[in-house]
Amino acid sequence: MKIFKSIAYRKCGVKYCRNKSSVHSNELSYFTLPKDSEGRAMWIENCISELANKNIQVKDVRICREHFENKMFLNVLTKKRLIDYVVPTLCNDDILAKRANFNESDNTLDLLAYL
């Protein structure tokens, strides 16, 4: 009888973002929402507006590094730490629509969606 271990994953909270990785993996950085209500509100408004009217736990939502510009990181090479008070900006509808039309099987965009 085989015993399978449950692996904990982190998943990006941004709509259509498919990034997820093991909690113990260092391949992708995830950031929790700010604890201060003003900063948290700006992150929610920019990236996860569908949660704006819901009572969410700050510790439960994470946003991956792909939603931040390079200039927002203390170290652009590792992308592990953000500069204080930055707000994710790479979450607009155009980016989300492209991710929604992403075809996982061959890693190409569905070009017919843009014709």
C-alpha atoms as a PDB file:
ATOM      1  CA  MET A   1       0.000   0.000   0.000  1.00  0.00           C
ATOM      2  CA  LYS A   2       1.433   3.343  -1.080  1.00  0.00           C
ATOM      3  CA  ILE A   3       1.065   6.368   1.134  1.00  0.00           C
ATOM      4  CA  PHE A   4       0.881   9.677  -0.686  1.00  0.00           C
ATOM      5  CA  LYS A   5       1.966  12.865   0.966  1.00  0.00           C
ATOM      6  CA  SER A   6      -0.177  15.916   0.485  1.00  0.00           C
ATOM      7  CA  ILE A   7       1.804  18.773  -1.037  1.00  0.00           C
ATOM      8  CA  ALA A   8       0.864  22.301  -0.063  1.00  0.00           C
ATOM      9  CA  TYR A   9       0.703  24.764  -2.942  1.00  0.00           C
ATOM     10  CA  ARG A  10       0.621  28.512  -3.206  1.00  0.00           C
ATOM     11  CA  LYS A  11      -1.613  29.885  -5.912  1.00  0.00           C
ATOM     12  CA  CYS A  12      -1.805  33.396  -7.282  1.00  0.00           C
ATOM     13  CA  GLY A  13      -5.080  35.135  -6.419  1.00  0.00           C
ATOM     14  CA  VAL A  14      -5.280  37.125  -9.652  1.00  0.00           C
ATOM     15  CA  LYS A  15      -8.025  36.021 -12.038  1.00  0.00           C
ATOM     16  CA  TYR A  16      -6.731  33.893 -14.946  1.00  0.00           C
ATOM     17  CA  CYS A  17      -3.222  33.670 -13.491  1.00  0.00           C
ATOM     18  CA  ARG A  18      -2.259  30.016 -13.497  1.00  0.00           C
ATOM     19  CA  ASN A  19       0.850  30.338 -11.386  1.00  0.00           C
ATOM     20  CA  LYS A  20       1.135  27.961  -8.508  1.00  0.00           C
ATOM     21  CA  SER A  21       4.069  26.279  -6.854  1.00  0.00           C
ATOM     22  CA  SER A  22       4.940  24.198  -3.850  1.00  0.00           C
ATOM     23  CA  VAL A  23       5.205  26.084  -0.581  1.00  0.00           C
ATOM     24  CA  HIS A  24       8.780  24.806  -0.290  1.00  0.00           C
ATOM     25  CA  SER A  25       9.759  25.809  -3.831  1.00  0.00           C
ATOM     26  CA  ASN A  26      11.861  28.885  -4.546  1.00  0.00           C
ATOM     27  CA  GLU A  27      10.986  29.109  -8.223  1.00  0.00           C
ATOM     28  CA  LEU A  28       8.334  31.837  -7.913  1.00  0.00           C
ATOM     29  CA  SER A  29       7.773  34.539  -5.304  1.00  0.00           C
ATOM     30  CA  TYR A  30       4.350  35.239  -3.837  1.00  0.00           C
ATOM     31  CA  PHE A  31       3.395  38.287  -1.814  1.00  0.00           C
ATOM     32  CA  THR A  32       0.649  38.636   0.767  1.00  0.00           C
ATOM     33  CA  LEU A  33      -1.643  41.630   0.716  1.00  0.00           C
ATOM     34  CA  PRO A  34      -0.522  44.544   2.869  1.00  0.00           C
ATOM     35  CA  LYS A  35      -1.781  44.532   6.438  1.00  0.00           C
ATOM     36  CA  ASP A  36      -2.737  48.199   6.367  1.00  0.00           C
ATOM     37  CA  SER A  37      -6.268  48.689   5.063  1.00  0.00           C
ATOM     38  CA  GLU A  38      -5.383  51.460   2.580  1.00  0.00           C
ATOM     39  CA  GLY A  39      -2.616  49.445   0.881  1.00  0.00           C
ATOM     40  CA  ARG A  40      -4.721  46.277   0.902  1.00  0.00           C
ATOM     41  CA  ALA A  41      -7.624  48.147  -0.738  1.00  0.00           C
ATOM     42  CA  MET A  42      -5.354  49.359  -3.569  1.00  0.00           C
ATOM     43  CA  TRP A  43      -4.029  45.830  -4.234  1.00  0.00           C
ATOM     44  CA  ILE A  44      -7.575  44.452  -4.287  1.00  0.00           C
ATOM     45  CA  GLU A  45      -8.805  47.240  -6.580  1.00  0.00           C
ATOM     46  CA  ASN A  46      -5.923  46.703  -9.047  1.00  0.00           C
ATOM     47  CA  CYS A  47      -5.741  42.931  -9.165  1.00  0.00           C
ATOM     48  CA  ILE A  48      -8.577  41.112  -7.476  1.00  0.00           C
ATOM     49  CA  SER A  49     -11.545  43.442  -7.736  1.00  0.00           C
ATOM     50  CA  GLU A  50     -13.995  40.514  -7.672  1.00  0.00           C
ATOM     51  CA  LEU A  51     -13.082  40.147  -3.980  1.00  0.00           C
ATOM     52  CA  ALA A  52     -13.593  43.838  -3.168  1.00  0.00           C
ATOM     53  CA  ASN A  53     -16.954  43.389  -1.474  1.00  0.00           C
ATOM     54  CA  LYS A  54     -16.123  40.139   0.267  1.00  0.00           C
ATOM     55  CA  ASN A  55     -14.682  39.788   3.732  1.00  0.00           C
ATOM     56  CA  ILE A  56     -11.372  38.069   2.985  1.00  0.00           C
ATOM     57  CA  GLN A  57      -8.560  37.039   5.256  1.00  0.00           C
ATOM     58  CA  VAL A  58      -5.333  38.862   4.385  1.00  0.00           C
ATOM     59  CA  LYS A  59      -3.238  35.768   5.031  1.00  0.00           C
ATOM     60  CA  ASP A  60      -5.254  33.712   2.530  1.00  0.00           C
ATOM     61  CA  VAL A  61      -4.548  35.745  -0.616  1.00  0.00           C
ATOM     62  CA  ARG A  62      -1.192  35.939  -2.397  1.00  0.00           C
ATOM     63  CA  ILE A  63      -0.141  37.630  -5.621  1.00  0.00           C
ATOM     64  CA  CYS A  64       2.768  36.263  -7.656  1.00  0.00           C
ATOM     65  CA  ARG A  65       5.721  38.332  -8.806  1.00  0.00           C
ATOM     66  CA  GLU A  66       4.515  38.453 -12.402  1.00  0.00           C
ATOM     67  CA  HIS A  67       2.064  41.220 -11.495  1.00  0.00           C
ATOM     68  CA  PHE A  68       4.790  43.640 -10.416  1.00  0.00           C
ATOM     69  CA  GLU A  69       7.092  45.684 -12.637  1.00  0.00           C
ATOM     70  CA  ASN A  70      10.854  45.100 -12.336  1.00  0.00           C
ATOM     71  CA  LYS A  71      11.351  48.545 -10.825  1.00  0.00           C
ATOM     72  CA  MET A  72       9.187  47.492  -7.859  1.00  0.00           C
ATOM     73  CA  PHE A  73      11.698  44.936  -6.560  1.00  0.00           C
ATOM     74  CA  LEU A  74      14.663  45.576  -4.296  1.00  0.00           C
ATOM     75  CA  ASN A  75      16.621  43.047  -6.366  1.00  0.00           C
ATOM     76  CA  VAL A  76      15.450  42.592  -9.964  1.00  0.00           C
ATOM     77  CA  LEU A  77      17.376  39.334 -10.395  1.00  0.00           C
ATOM     78  CA  THR A  78      15.770  37.390  -7.546  1.00  0.00           C
ATOM     79  CA  LYS A  79      12.441  39.249  -7.300  1.00  0.00           C
ATOM     80  CA  LYS A  80      12.001  38.158  -3.694  1.00  0.00           C
ATOM     81  CA  ARG A  81      11.428  41.499  -1.930  1.00  0.00           C
ATOM     82  CA  LEU A  82       9.261  44.427  -2.874  1.00  0.00           C
ATOM     83  CA  ILE A  83      10.000  48.076  -2.294  1.00  0.00           C
ATOM     84  CA  ASP A  84       7.713  49.469   0.423  1.00  0.00           C
ATOM     85  CA  TYR A  85       4.270  50.713  -0.603  1.00  0.00           C
ATOM     86  CA  VAL A  86       4.215  49.406  -4.179  1.00  0.00           C
ATOM     87  CA  VAL A  87       0.959  48.301  -5.781  1.00  0.00           C
ATOM     88  CA  PRO A  88       0.793  45.547  -8.424  1.00  0.00           C
ATOM     89  CA  THR A  89       0.115  47.072 -11.828  1.00  0.00           C
ATOM     90  CA  LEU A  90       0.325  44.171 -14.279  1.00  0.00           C
ATOM     91  CA  CYS A  91      -3.242  43.045 -13.660  1.00  0.00           C
ATOM     92  CA  ASN A  92      -5.250  45.056 -16.178  1.00  0.00           C
ATOM     93  CA  ASP A  93      -8.015  43.600 -18.348  1.00  0.00           C
ATOM     94  CA  ASP A  94      -5.799  43.239 -21.453  1.00  0.00           C
ATOM     95  CA  ILE A  95      -3.280  41.111 -19.590  1.00  0.00           C
ATOM     96  CA  LEU A  96      -6.035  39.056 -17.969  1.00  0.00           C
ATOM     97  CA  ALA A  97      -7.771  38.497 -21.321  1.00  0.00           C
ATOM     98  CA  LYS A  98      -4.527  37.243 -22.887  1.00  0.00           C
ATOM     99  CA  ARG A  99      -4.088  34.798 -20.014  1.00  0.00           C
ATOM    100  CA  ALA A 100      -7.666  33.610 -20.399  1.00  0.00           C
ATOM    101  CA  ASN A 101      -7.019  32.852 -24.082  1.00  0.00           C
ATOM    102  CA  PHE A 102      -3.730  31.104 -23.369  1.00  0.00           C
ATOM    103  CA  ASN A 103      -3.670  27.596 -24.743  1.00  0.00           C
ATOM    104  CA  GLU A 104      -1.822  25.383 -22.259  1.00  0.00           C
ATOM    105  CA  SER A 105      -1.292  22.503 -24.672  1.00  0.00           C
ATOM    106  CA  ASP A 106       1.216  24.263 -26.904  1.00  0.00           C
ATOM    107  CA  ASN A 107       2.025  27.403 -24.872  1.00  0.00           C
ATOM    108  CA  THR A 108       0.825  29.814 -27.564  1.00  0.00           C
ATOM    109  CA  LEU A 109      -1.810  32.523 -27.586  1.00  0.00           C
ATOM    110  CA  ASP A 110      -5.054  31.883 -29.403  1.00  0.00           C
ATOM    111  CA  LEU A 111      -4.499  34.352 -32.258  1.00  0.00           C
ATOM    112  CA  LEU A 112      -8.075  33.992 -33.527  1.00  0.00           C
ATOM    113  CA  ALA A 113      -9.265  35.767 -30.393  1.00  0.00           C
ATOM    114  CA  TYR A 114      -7.499  38.932 -31.551  1.00  0.00           C
ATOM    115  CA  LEU A 115      -8.779  38.996 -35.175  1.00  0.00           C
END
